[in-house]
Amino acid sequence: MLATPGSLPAKDDRWAFEVKHDGQRAVVYLPGDGTVTLRARSGADITGAYPELRRLGSVLGGPAVLDGEIVALDSEGRSDFERLQSRMGLAGSPAKAARMARSVPAHLVLFDALHLGKSSLIRLPYTERRTVLEDLGLDGDQWSTPAAVVGHGAQALETTRAAGLEGLVAKRLTSRYEPGVRSRAWIKIRHVRTIDVIVGGWLPGRGRLTGLPGALLLGERHQHGLRYIGSVGTGWSDRQRTALAALLRTAAVDECPFDTPPAAAGARWVLPRLVGEVRYTTRTKAGLLRHPTWHRLRPDLAPDDTV
């Protein structure tokens, strides 16, 4: 179940508010035999990337299916996606994953219970599922069940702003769990505007950036194709820019993937399959992003997820 971007609900006493975490979404499968399987939004098995979370299988006997977010915490206990990126993609490299677990430990934030024992919980209202989850008592160094506050949305949002957190997720108290749906029953409220974009091309850099992307050409999926929404040239470290260059070379094509080709001399085109998240201030009347800054790659998203 996915949240829809939005603002604070008007009648906040009908909603619960949880801190929004910046990590990798995971559904946790506990068959009851002491094992655990973590699956990303794509359905990929990512258990091997996070060996320190395997112990959950013996802590909670199961069978159970839980929903949550895998995060890497900074020195002040805030989720830091850049730190987590060093852990992602290691499911097939157990030795490296074990080494990274010592230097960048993962933490599993649990926020929903979908199945417990012989019973599916997805048709129960949020309040009942939340009670089931809290009764499991899953709190410790490697996993936790953070608090949810009913009502007081404006105060909760200001508290997260003051703490330097990303924002809130508002969840309607009566809502069922809707697998695979981007639902209005869950609203994500961020302190900055962000958008998931599709990379359709790039502009080569100059000087020390020769051979590397100086800017990425961004698009958003709509009913009939890919609409150009601007370019972004900031927000990367040198290492990240080099990694992007390798991905772009692999995806190179001759034809422009945008409905209307942008006026971008020297542009190189790519298959529109790479998804990223961009921060911006506002949009122009033509729909272009103002003051965009690259935030992160979204390997957990496919282009169709951005519609």
C-alpha atoms as a PDB file:
ATOM      1  CA  MET A   1       0.000   0.000   0.000  1.00  0.00           C
ATOM      2  CA  LEU A   2       1.430   3.334  -1.051  1.00  0.00           C
ATOM      3  CA  ALA A   3       0.847   6.855   0.244  1.00  0.00           C
ATOM      4  CA  THR A   4      -0.343   9.756  -1.903  1.00  0.00           C
ATOM      5  CA  PRO A   5       1.501  13.105  -1.643  1.00  0.00           C
ATOM      6  CA  GLY A   6      -0.664  15.773  -0.074  1.00  0.00           C
ATOM      7  CA  SER A   7      -1.243  18.133   2.848  1.00  0.00           C
ATOM      8  CA  LEU A   8      -2.600  17.774   6.369  1.00  0.00           C
ATOM      9  CA  PRO A   9      -6.203  16.479   6.471  1.00  0.00           C
ATOM     10  CA  ALA A  10      -8.790  19.021   7.616  1.00  0.00           C
ATOM     11  CA  LYS A  11     -10.369  16.793  10.288  1.00  0.00           C
ATOM     12  CA  ASP A  12      -7.235  15.389  11.826  1.00  0.00           C
ATOM     13  CA  ASP A  13      -9.032  13.584  14.666  1.00  0.00           C
ATOM     14  CA  ARG A  14      -9.931  10.935  12.070  1.00  0.00           C
ATOM     15  CA  TRP A  15      -6.282  10.301  11.250  1.00  0.00           C
ATOM     16  CA  ALA A  16      -3.157   8.877  12.840  1.00  0.00           C
ATOM     17  CA  PHE A  17       0.206  10.480  12.141  1.00  0.00           C
ATOM     18  CA  GLU A  18       3.497   8.613  11.840  1.00  0.00           C
ATOM     19  CA  VAL A  19       6.981   9.962  11.112  1.00  0.00           C
ATOM     20  CA  LYS A  20       7.939   9.549   7.458  1.00  0.00           C
ATOM     21  CA  HIS A  21      11.235   7.678   7.122  1.00  0.00           C
ATOM     22  CA  ASP A  22      13.671   7.876   4.217  1.00  0.00           C
ATOM     23  CA  GLY A  23      14.731   4.308   3.499  1.00  0.00           C
ATOM     24  CA  GLN A  24      13.917   1.132   1.574  1.00  0.00           C
ATOM     25  CA  ARG A  25      10.364  -0.172   1.868  1.00  0.00           C
ATOM     26  CA  ALA A  26      10.188  -3.846   2.818  1.00  0.00           C
ATOM     27  CA  VAL A  27       7.511  -6.430   3.475  1.00  0.00           C
ATOM     28  CA  VAL A  28       8.680  -8.894   6.129  1.00  0.00           C
ATOM     29  CA  TYR A  29       7.647 -12.545   5.813  1.00  0.00           C
ATOM     30  CA  LEU A  30       7.951 -14.714   8.945  1.00  0.00           C
ATOM     31  CA  PRO A  31       6.780 -18.258   8.152  1.00  0.00           C
ATOM     32  CA  GLY A  32       7.141 -19.453  11.754  1.00  0.00           C
ATOM     33  CA  ASP A  33      10.210 -21.656  11.332  1.00  0.00           C
ATOM     34  CA  GLY A  34      12.721 -19.119  12.654  1.00  0.00           C
ATOM     35  CA  THR A  35      13.544 -17.655   9.252  1.00  0.00           C
ATOM     36  CA  VAL A  36      12.731 -14.257   7.776  1.00  0.00           C
ATOM     37  CA  THR A  37      12.410 -13.026   4.197  1.00  0.00           C
ATOM     38  CA  LEU A  38      12.532  -9.345   3.254  1.00  0.00           C
ATOM     39  CA  ARG A  39      11.047  -8.280  -0.054  1.00  0.00           C
ATOM     40  CA  ALA A  40      11.391  -4.871  -1.701  1.00  0.00           C
ATOM     41  CA  ARG A  41       8.551  -3.079  -3.478  1.00  0.00           C
ATOM     42  CA  SER A  42       9.619  -4.783  -6.706  1.00  0.00           C
ATOM     43  CA  GLY A  43       9.143  -8.178  -5.059  1.00  0.00           C
ATOM     44  CA  ALA A  44      12.898  -8.833  -5.076  1.00  0.00           C
ATOM     45  CA  ASP A  45      14.316 -10.825  -2.163  1.00  0.00           C
ATOM     46  CA  ILE A  46      16.649  -8.405  -0.331  1.00  0.00           C
ATOM     47  CA  THR A  47      17.175 -10.524   2.801  1.00  0.00           C
ATOM     48  CA  GLY A  48      20.839 -11.124   2.030  1.00  0.00           C
ATOM     49  CA  ALA A  49      21.617  -7.404   2.075  1.00  0.00           C
ATOM     50  CA  TYR A  50      20.620  -7.084   5.724  1.00  0.00           C
ATOM     51  CA  PRO A  51      21.967 -10.084   7.687  1.00  0.00           C
ATOM     52  CA  GLU A  52      21.503  -8.326  11.048  1.00  0.00           C
ATOM     53  CA  LEU A  53      17.722  -8.436  10.552  1.00  0.00           C
ATOM     54  CA  ARG A  54      17.558 -12.222  10.219  1.00  0.00           C
ATOM     55  CA  ARG A  55      17.315 -12.612  13.994  1.00  0.00           C
ATOM     56  CA  LEU A  56      13.770 -11.237  13.852  1.00  0.00           C
ATOM     57  CA  GLY A  57      12.694 -14.691  12.679  1.00  0.00           C
ATOM     58  CA  SER A  58      13.575 -16.194  16.070  1.00  0.00           C
ATOM     59  CA  VAL A  59      12.284 -13.243  18.095  1.00  0.00           C
ATOM     60  CA  LEU A  60       8.822 -13.401  16.523  1.00  0.00           C
ATOM     61  CA  GLY A  61       7.758 -16.963  15.947  1.00  0.00           C
ATOM     62  CA  GLY A  62       5.091 -16.244  13.348  1.00  0.00           C
ATOM     63  CA  PRO A  63       3.645 -16.938  10.960  1.00  0.00           C
ATOM     64  CA  ALA A  64       3.305 -13.244  10.244  1.00  0.00           C
ATOM     65  CA  VAL A  65       3.607 -10.677   7.467  1.00  0.00           C
ATOM     66  CA  LEU A  66       4.635  -7.152   8.471  1.00  0.00           C
ATOM     67  CA  ASP A  67       5.155  -3.923   6.552  1.00  0.00           C
ATOM     68  CA  GLY A  68       7.951  -1.477   7.239  1.00  0.00           C
ATOM     69  CA  GLU A  69      10.956   0.549   6.123  1.00  0.00           C
ATOM     70  CA  ILE A  70      14.628  -0.352   6.359  1.00  0.00           C
ATOM     71  CA  VAL A  71      16.689   2.692   7.339  1.00  0.00           C
ATOM     72  CA  ALA A  72      20.242   3.654   8.284  1.00  0.00           C
ATOM     73  CA  LEU A  73      20.325   6.137  11.146  1.00  0.00           C
ATOM     74  CA  ASP A  74      22.650   9.103  11.500  1.00  0.00           C
ATOM     75  CA  SER A  75      24.331  10.186  14.749  1.00  0.00           C
ATOM     76  CA  GLU A  76      21.112  11.865  15.899  1.00  0.00           C
ATOM     77  CA  GLY A  77      18.831   8.934  15.142  1.00  0.00           C
ATOM     78  CA  ARG A  78      17.388  10.270  11.878  1.00  0.00           C
ATOM     79  CA  SER A  79      17.029   8.115   8.782  1.00  0.00           C
ATOM     80  CA  ASP A  80      19.768   8.903   6.256  1.00  0.00           C
ATOM     81  CA  PHE A  81      19.149   7.502   2.784  1.00  0.00           C
ATOM     82  CA  GLU A  82      22.667   8.268   1.582  1.00  0.00           C
ATOM     83  CA  ARG A  83      24.069   6.037   4.342  1.00  0.00           C
ATOM     84  CA  LEU A  84      21.593   3.299   3.480  1.00  0.00           C
ATOM     85  CA  GLN A  85      22.616   3.308  -0.194  1.00  0.00           C
ATOM     86  CA  SER A  86      25.877   1.585   0.756  1.00  0.00           C
ATOM     87  CA  ARG A  87      23.763  -1.349   2.030  1.00  0.00           C
ATOM     88  CA  MET A  88      21.349  -1.644  -0.870  1.00  0.00           C
ATOM     89  CA  GLY A  89      22.102  -4.004  -3.726  1.00  0.00           C
ATOM     90  CA  LEU A  90      24.197  -6.417  -1.628  1.00  0.00           C
ATOM     91  CA  ALA A  91      21.686  -9.273  -1.482  1.00  0.00           C
ATOM     92  CA  GLY A  92      23.952 -11.394  -3.679  1.00  0.00           C
ATOM     93  CA  SER A  93      27.163 -10.503  -1.801  1.00  0.00           C
ATOM     94  CA  PRO A  94      26.806 -11.998   1.700  1.00  0.00           C
ATOM     95  CA  ALA A  95      30.408 -11.386   2.761  1.00  0.00           C
ATOM     96  CA  LYS A  96      30.294  -7.696   1.821  1.00  0.00           C
ATOM     97  CA  ALA A  97      26.840  -7.318   3.366  1.00  0.00           C
ATOM     98  CA  ALA A  98      28.159  -8.729   6.653  1.00  0.00           C
ATOM     99  CA  ARG A  99      31.098  -6.288   6.635  1.00  0.00           C
ATOM    100  CA  MET A 100      28.848  -3.325   5.878  1.00  0.00           C
ATOM    101  CA  ALA A 101      26.449  -4.362   8.634  1.00  0.00           C
ATOM    102  CA  ARG A 102      29.191  -3.674  11.168  1.00  0.00           C
ATOM    103  CA  SER A 103      29.943  -0.148   9.923  1.00  0.00           C
ATOM    104  CA  VAL A 104      26.461   0.927   8.721  1.00  0.00           C
ATOM    105  CA  PRO A 105      23.875  -1.074  10.694  1.00  0.00           C
ATOM    106  CA  ALA A 106      20.364  -1.276   9.308  1.00  0.00           C
ATOM    107  CA  HIS A 107      17.270  -0.643  11.395  1.00  0.00           C
ATOM    108  CA  LEU A 108      13.801  -1.939  10.547  1.00  0.00           C
ATOM    109  CA  VAL A 109      10.917   0.443  11.269  1.00  0.00           C
ATOM    110  CA  LEU A 110       7.660  -1.528  11.462  1.00  0.00           C
ATOM    111  CA  PHE A 111       4.366   0.249  10.832  1.00  0.00           C
ATOM    112  CA  ASP A 112       1.745  -2.325   9.814  1.00  0.00           C
ATOM    113  CA  ALA A 113       0.692  -5.933  10.348  1.00  0.00           C
ATOM    114  CA  LEU A 114      -0.865  -7.714   7.365  1.00  0.00           C
ATOM    115  CA  HIS A 115      -1.063 -11.301   8.574  1.00  0.00           C
ATOM    116  CA  LEU A 116      -0.707 -13.017  11.939  1.00  0.00           C
ATOM    117  CA  GLY A 117      -1.100 -16.685  12.729  1.00  0.00           C
ATOM    118  CA  LYS A 118      -3.799 -18.063  10.449  1.00  0.00           C
ATOM    119  CA  SER A 119      -5.546 -14.715   9.969  1.00  0.00           C
ATOM    120  CA  SER A 120      -5.236 -12.082   7.273  1.00  0.00           C
ATOM    121  CA  LEU A 121      -5.530  -8.589   8.768  1.00  0.00           C
ATOM    122  CA  ILE A 122      -5.763  -6.467   5.630  1.00  0.00           C
ATOM    123  CA  ARG A 123      -9.553  -6.015   5.848  1.00  0.00           C
ATOM    124  CA  LEU A 124      -9.344  -4.751   9.419  1.00  0.00           C
ATOM    125  CA  PRO A 125      -9.287  -0.992  10.017  1.00  0.00           C
ATOM    126  CA  TYR A 126      -5.952   0.691  10.630  1.00  0.00           C
ATOM    127  CA  THR A 127      -6.632   1.075  14.376  1.00  0.00           C
ATOM    128  CA  GLU A 128      -7.062  -2.686  14.854  1.00  0.00           C
ATOM    129  CA  ARG A 129      -4.005  -3.568  12.749  1.00  0.00           C
ATOM    130  CA  ARG A 130      -1.982  -1.031  14.695  1.00  0.00           C
ATOM    131  CA  THR A 131      -3.047  -2.583  18.014  1.00  0.00           C
ATOM    132  CA  VAL A 132      -1.986  -6.023  16.783  1.00  0.00           C
ATOM    133  CA  LEU A 133       1.401  -4.644  15.726  1.00  0.00           C
ATOM    134  CA  GLU A 134       2.027  -2.848  19.026  1.00  0.00           C
ATOM    135  CA  ASP A 135       1.058  -5.950  21.011  1.00  0.00           C
ATOM    136  CA  LEU A 136       3.911  -7.841  19.331  1.00  0.00           C
ATOM    137  CA  GLY A 137       6.362  -5.724  21.346  1.00  0.00           C
ATOM    138  CA  LEU A 138       8.912  -5.450  18.540  1.00  0.00           C
ATOM    139  CA  ASP A 139      11.289  -2.805  19.857  1.00  0.00           C
ATOM    140  CA  GLY A 140      15.058  -3.058  20.077  1.00  0.00           C
ATOM    141  CA  ASP A 141      18.361  -1.982  18.572  1.00  0.00           C
ATOM    142  CA  GLN A 142      17.643  -3.440  15.126  1.00  0.00           C
ATOM    143  CA  TRP A 143      13.886  -2.979  14.800  1.00  0.00           C
ATOM    144  CA  SER A 144      11.205  -0.828  16.365  1.00  0.00           C
ATOM    145  CA  THR A 145       7.546   0.139  16.209  1.00  0.00           C
ATOM    146  CA  PRO A 146       7.528   3.953  16.425  1.00  0.00           C
ATOM    147  CA  ALA A 147       4.605   5.792  17.947  1.00  0.00           C
ATOM    148  CA  ALA A 148       1.546   6.897  15.994  1.00  0.00           C
ATOM    149  CA  VAL A 149      -0.328   9.992  17.204  1.00  0.00           C
ATOM    150  CA  VAL A 150      -4.071  10.392  16.646  1.00  0.00           C
ATOM    151  CA  GLY A 151      -5.019  13.978  15.830  1.00  0.00           C
ATOM    152  CA  HIS A 152      -2.781  17.006  16.519  1.00  0.00           C
ATOM    153  CA  GLY A 153      -1.497  16.855  12.935  1.00  0.00           C
ATOM    154  CA  ALA A 154      -0.204  20.429  12.771  1.00  0.00           C
ATOM    155  CA  GLN A 155       1.711  20.006  16.019  1.00  0.00           C
ATOM    156  CA  ALA A 156       3.144  16.689  14.861  1.00  0.00           C
ATOM    157  CA  LEU A 157       4.242  18.210  11.550  1.00  0.00           C
ATOM    158  CA  GLU A 158       5.969  21.127  13.265  1.00  0.00           C
ATOM    159  CA  THR A 159       7.703  18.727  15.643  1.00  0.00           C
ATOM    160  CA  THR A 160       9.158  16.761  12.738  1.00  0.00           C
ATOM    161  CA  ARG A 161      10.245  19.989  11.056  1.00  0.00           C
ATOM    162  CA  ALA A 162      12.062  21.153  14.187  1.00  0.00           C
ATOM    163  CA  ALA A 163      13.745  17.761  14.515  1.00  0.00           C
ATOM    164  CA  GLY A 164      15.017  17.827  10.941  1.00  0.00           C
ATOM    165  CA  LEU A 165      12.855  14.881   9.873  1.00  0.00           C
ATOM    166  CA  GLU A 166      11.368  14.401   6.413  1.00  0.00           C
ATOM    167  CA  GLY A 167       7.716  14.768   7.364  1.00  0.00           C
ATOM    168  CA  LEU A 168       4.649  12.730   8.276  1.00  0.00           C
ATOM    169  CA  VAL A 169       2.422   9.994   6.909  1.00  0.00           C
ATOM    170  CA  ALA A 170      -1.247  10.491   7.801  1.00  0.00           C
ATOM    171  CA  LYS A 171      -3.357   7.315   7.908  1.00  0.00           C
ATOM    172  CA  ARG A 172      -7.140   7.300   8.084  1.00  0.00           C
ATOM    173  CA  LEU A 173      -8.192   5.418  11.229  1.00  0.00           C
ATOM    174  CA  THR A 174     -10.900   3.411   9.463  1.00  0.00           C
ATOM    175  CA  SER A 175      -8.832   2.460   6.411  1.00  0.00           C
ATOM    176  CA  ARG A 176      -8.168  -1.075   5.283  1.00  0.00           C
ATOM    177  CA  TYR A 177      -4.802  -2.143   3.892  1.00  0.00           C
ATOM    178  CA  GLU A 178      -4.879  -1.913   0.083  1.00  0.00           C
ATOM    179  CA  PRO A 179      -2.017  -3.955  -1.427  1.00  0.00           C
ATOM    180  CA  GLY A 180      -0.488  -2.387  -4.516  1.00  0.00           C
ATOM    181  CA  VAL A 181      -2.667   0.745  -4.354  1.00  0.00           C
ATOM    182  CA  ARG A 182      -1.484   4.343  -4.040  1.00  0.00           C
ATOM    183  CA  SER A 183      -4.290   5.288  -1.703  1.00  0.00           C
ATOM    184  CA  ARG A 184      -5.786   8.547  -0.470  1.00  0.00           C
ATOM    185  CA  ALA A 185      -6.232   6.789   2.866  1.00  0.00           C
ATOM    186  CA  TRP A 186      -2.482   7.293   3.412  1.00  0.00           C
ATOM    187  CA  ILE A 187      -1.165  10.818   2.819  1.00  0.00           C
ATOM    188  CA  LYS A 188       2.544  11.654   2.898  1.00  0.00           C
ATOM    189  CA  ILE A 189       3.314  15.231   3.917  1.00  0.00           C
ATOM    190  CA  ARG A 190       6.885  16.328   3.253  1.00  0.00           C
ATOM    191  CA  HIS A 191       8.648  19.473   4.367  1.00  0.00           C
ATOM    192  CA  VAL A 192      10.130  19.900   0.898  1.00  0.00           C
ATOM    193  CA  ARG A 193       8.526  19.277  -2.470  1.00  0.00           C
ATOM    194  CA  THR A 194       9.807  16.191  -4.190  1.00  0.00           C
ATOM    195  CA  ILE A 195       8.921  14.329  -7.355  1.00  0.00           C
ATOM    196  CA  ASP A 196       9.850  10.950  -8.786  1.00  0.00           C
ATOM    197  CA  VAL A 197      11.244  11.569 -12.259  1.00  0.00           C
ATOM    198  CA  ILE A 198      12.336   9.474 -15.237  1.00  0.00           C
ATOM    199  CA  VAL A 199      15.701  10.227 -16.831  1.00  0.00           C
ATOM    200  CA  GLY A 200      15.343  10.546 -20.612  1.00  0.00           C
ATOM    201  CA  GLY A 201      18.727  12.021 -21.472  1.00  0.00           C
ATOM    202  CA  TRP A 202      21.742  13.957 -20.289  1.00  0.00           C
ATOM    203  CA  LEU A 203      24.060  16.784 -21.185  1.00  0.00           C
ATOM    204  CA  PRO A 204      27.827  16.115 -21.123  1.00  0.00           C
ATOM    205  CA  GLY A 205      29.843  18.054 -18.562  1.00  0.00           C
ATOM    206  CA  ARG A 206      32.823  20.243 -19.353  1.00  0.00           C
ATOM    207  CA  GLY A 207      36.287  20.688 -17.898  1.00  0.00           C
ATOM    208  CA  ARG A 208      36.863  18.237 -15.062  1.00  0.00           C
ATOM    209  CA  LEU A 209      33.411  16.788 -15.792  1.00  0.00           C
ATOM    210  CA  THR A 210      34.299  15.789 -19.368  1.00  0.00           C
ATOM    211  CA  GLY A 211      32.821  12.359 -20.027  1.00  0.00           C
ATOM    212  CA  LEU A 212      30.447  12.701 -17.079  1.00  0.00           C
ATOM    213  CA  PRO A 213      26.886  14.038 -16.958  1.00  0.00           C
ATOM    214  CA  GLY A 214      26.721  17.777 -16.399  1.00  0.00           C
ATOM    215  CA  ALA A 215      22.930  17.643 -16.184  1.00  0.00           C
ATOM    216  CA  LEU A 216      20.151  15.090 -16.479  1.00  0.00           C
ATOM    217  CA  LEU A 217      17.077  15.674 -18.655  1.00  0.00           C
ATOM    218  CA  LEU A 218      13.964  14.747 -16.696  1.00  0.00           C
ATOM    219  CA  GLY A 219      10.521  13.565 -17.630  1.00  0.00           C
ATOM    220  CA  GLU A 220       7.278  12.460 -16.055  1.00  0.00           C
ATOM    221  CA  ARG A 221       5.065   9.696 -17.359  1.00  0.00           C
ATOM    222  CA  HIS A 222       1.570  10.572 -18.504  1.00  0.00           C
ATOM    223  CA  GLN A 223      -1.158   8.765 -20.386  1.00  0.00           C
ATOM    224  CA  HIS A 224       0.417   9.163 -23.813  1.00  0.00           C
ATOM    225  CA  GLY A 225       4.155   9.102 -23.164  1.00  0.00           C
ATOM    226  CA  LEU A 226       6.964  11.001 -21.470  1.00  0.00           C
ATOM    227  CA  ARG A 227       6.686  14.753 -20.841  1.00  0.00           C
ATOM    228  CA  TYR A 228       9.851  16.821 -20.428  1.00  0.00           C
ATOM    229  CA  ILE A 229       9.854  18.738 -17.122  1.00  0.00           C
ATOM    230  CA  GLY A 230      13.346  20.247 -16.983  1.00  0.00           C
ATOM    231  CA  SER A 231      16.961  19.424 -16.190  1.00  0.00           C
ATOM    232  CA  VAL A 232      18.954  19.032 -12.989  1.00  0.00           C
ATOM    233  CA  GLY A 233      22.691  19.508 -12.591  1.00  0.00           C
ATOM    234  CA  THR A 234      23.266  19.609  -8.826  1.00  0.00           C
ATOM    235  CA  GLY A 235      22.961  17.242  -5.899  1.00  0.00           C
ATOM    236  CA  TRP A 236      25.624  14.613  -6.669  1.00  0.00           C
ATOM    237  CA  SER A 237      28.960  13.793  -5.173  1.00  0.00           C
ATOM    238  CA  ASP A 238      31.779  12.952  -7.615  1.00  0.00           C
ATOM    239  CA  ARG A 239      31.328   9.277  -6.818  1.00  0.00           C
ATOM    240  CA  GLN A 240      27.592   9.421  -7.502  1.00  0.00           C
ATOM    241  CA  ARG A 241      28.130  11.315 -10.754  1.00  0.00           C
ATOM    242  CA  THR A 242      30.552   8.622 -11.934  1.00  0.00           C
ATOM    243  CA  ALA A 243      28.060   5.891 -11.055  1.00  0.00           C
ATOM    244  CA  LEU A 244      25.329   7.737 -12.961  1.00  0.00           C
ATOM    245  CA  ALA A 245      27.597   8.004 -16.001  1.00  0.00           C
ATOM    246  CA  ALA A 246      27.964   4.210 -16.100  1.00  0.00           C
ATOM    247  CA  LEU A 247      24.194   3.719 -15.905  1.00  0.00           C
ATOM    248  CA  LEU A 248      23.590   6.269 -18.653  1.00  0.00           C
ATOM    249  CA  ARG A 249      26.111   4.692 -21.023  1.00  0.00           C
ATOM    250  CA  THR A 250      24.440   1.316 -20.609  1.00  0.00           C
ATOM    251  CA  ALA A 251      21.011   2.786 -21.452  1.00  0.00           C
ATOM    252  CA  ALA A 252      22.100   4.881 -24.483  1.00  0.00           C
ATOM    253  CA  VAL A 253      19.720   5.112 -27.469  1.00  0.00           C
ATOM    254  CA  ASP A 254      19.625   7.217 -30.634  1.00  0.00           C
ATOM    255  CA  GLU A 255      16.064   8.543 -30.433  1.00  0.00           C
ATOM    256  CA  CYS A 256      14.698  11.129 -28.009  1.00  0.00           C
ATOM    257  CA  PRO A 257      12.179   9.473 -25.617  1.00  0.00           C
ATOM    258  CA  PHE A 258      10.303  12.711 -24.809  1.00  0.00           C
ATOM    259  CA  ASP A 259       7.009  13.575 -26.525  1.00  0.00           C
ATOM    260  CA  THR A 260       8.432  16.964 -27.429  1.00  0.00           C
ATOM    261  CA  PRO A 261      12.240  17.055 -27.623  1.00  0.00           C
ATOM    262  CA  PRO A 262      13.717  19.741 -25.351  1.00  0.00           C
ATOM    263  CA  ALA A 263      15.895  22.480 -26.794  1.00  0.00           C
ATOM    264  CA  ALA A 264      19.113  21.000 -25.436  1.00  0.00           C
ATOM    265  CA  ALA A 265      22.096  21.164 -27.783  1.00  0.00           C
ATOM    266  CA  GLY A 266      24.386  18.172 -27.538  1.00  0.00           C
ATOM    267  CA  ALA A 267      21.899  16.051 -25.578  1.00  0.00           C
ATOM    268  CA  ARG A 268      22.459  12.302 -25.299  1.00  0.00           C
ATOM    269  CA  TRP A 269      19.356  10.133 -25.070  1.00  0.00           C
ATOM    270  CA  VAL A 270      18.725   7.071 -22.912  1.00  0.00           C
ATOM    271  CA  LEU A 271      16.035   4.461 -22.460  1.00  0.00           C
ATOM    272  CA  PRO A 272      13.514   5.975 -20.027  1.00  0.00           C
ATOM    273  CA  ARG A 273      13.944   3.387 -17.296  1.00  0.00           C
ATOM    274  CA  LEU A 274      16.113   5.127 -14.679  1.00  0.00           C
ATOM    275  CA  VAL A 275      14.017   6.659 -11.872  1.00  0.00           C
ATOM    276  CA  GLY A 276      15.223   9.313  -9.452  1.00  0.00           C
ATOM    277  CA  GLU A 277      13.845  11.643  -6.812  1.00  0.00           C
ATOM    278  CA  VAL A 278      14.288  15.402  -7.231  1.00  0.00           C
ATOM    279  CA  ARG A 279      13.622  18.251  -4.821  1.00  0.00           C
ATOM    280  CA  TYR A 280      12.269  21.529  -6.191  1.00  0.00           C
ATOM    281  CA  THR A 281      10.589  24.763  -5.114  1.00  0.00           C
ATOM    282  CA  THR A 282       7.663  25.280  -7.510  1.00  0.00           C
ATOM    283  CA  ARG A 283       6.677  24.666 -11.129  1.00  0.00           C
ATOM    284  CA  THR A 284       6.391  27.089 -13.997  1.00  0.00           C
ATOM    285  CA  LYS A 285       3.107  27.498 -15.874  1.00  0.00           C
ATOM    286  CA  ALA A 286       4.578  25.176 -18.510  1.00  0.00           C
ATOM    287  CA  GLY A 287       5.133  22.508 -15.854  1.00  0.00           C
ATOM    288  CA  LEU A 288       8.925  22.816 -15.627  1.00  0.00           C
ATOM    289  CA  LEU A 289      10.597  22.362 -12.231  1.00  0.00           C
ATOM    290  CA  ARG A 290      12.063  25.459 -10.595  1.00  0.00           C
ATOM    291  CA  HIS A 291      15.388  25.151  -8.736  1.00  0.00           C
ATOM    292  CA  PRO A 292      15.562  21.342  -8.952  1.00  0.00           C
ATOM    293  CA  THR A 293      18.192  19.431  -6.966  1.00  0.00           C
ATOM    294  CA  TRP A 294      18.913  15.741  -7.390  1.00  0.00           C
ATOM    295  CA  HIS A 295      18.125  13.843  -4.188  1.00  0.00           C
ATOM    296  CA  ARG A 296      18.651  10.165  -4.916  1.00  0.00           C
ATOM    297  CA  LEU A 297      18.251   7.274  -7.310  1.00  0.00           C
ATOM    298  CA  ARG A 298      15.126   5.195  -6.814  1.00  0.00           C
ATOM    299  CA  PRO A 299      16.139   1.620  -7.714  1.00  0.00           C
ATOM    300  CA  ASP A 300      13.012   0.452  -5.901  1.00  0.00           C
ATOM    301  CA  LEU A 301      10.775   2.142  -8.498  1.00  0.00           C
ATOM    302  CA  ALA A 302       9.958   1.250 -12.087  1.00  0.00           C
ATOM    303  CA  PRO A 303       8.974   4.002 -14.549  1.00  0.00           C
ATOM    304  CA  ASP A 304       5.322   2.974 -14.393  1.00  0.00           C
ATOM    305  CA  ASP A 305       5.354   3.569 -10.601  1.00  0.00           C
ATOM    306  CA  THR A 306       5.767   7.299 -11.261  1.00  0.00           C
ATOM    307  CA  VAL A 307       2.490   7.820 -13.118  1.00  0.00           C
END
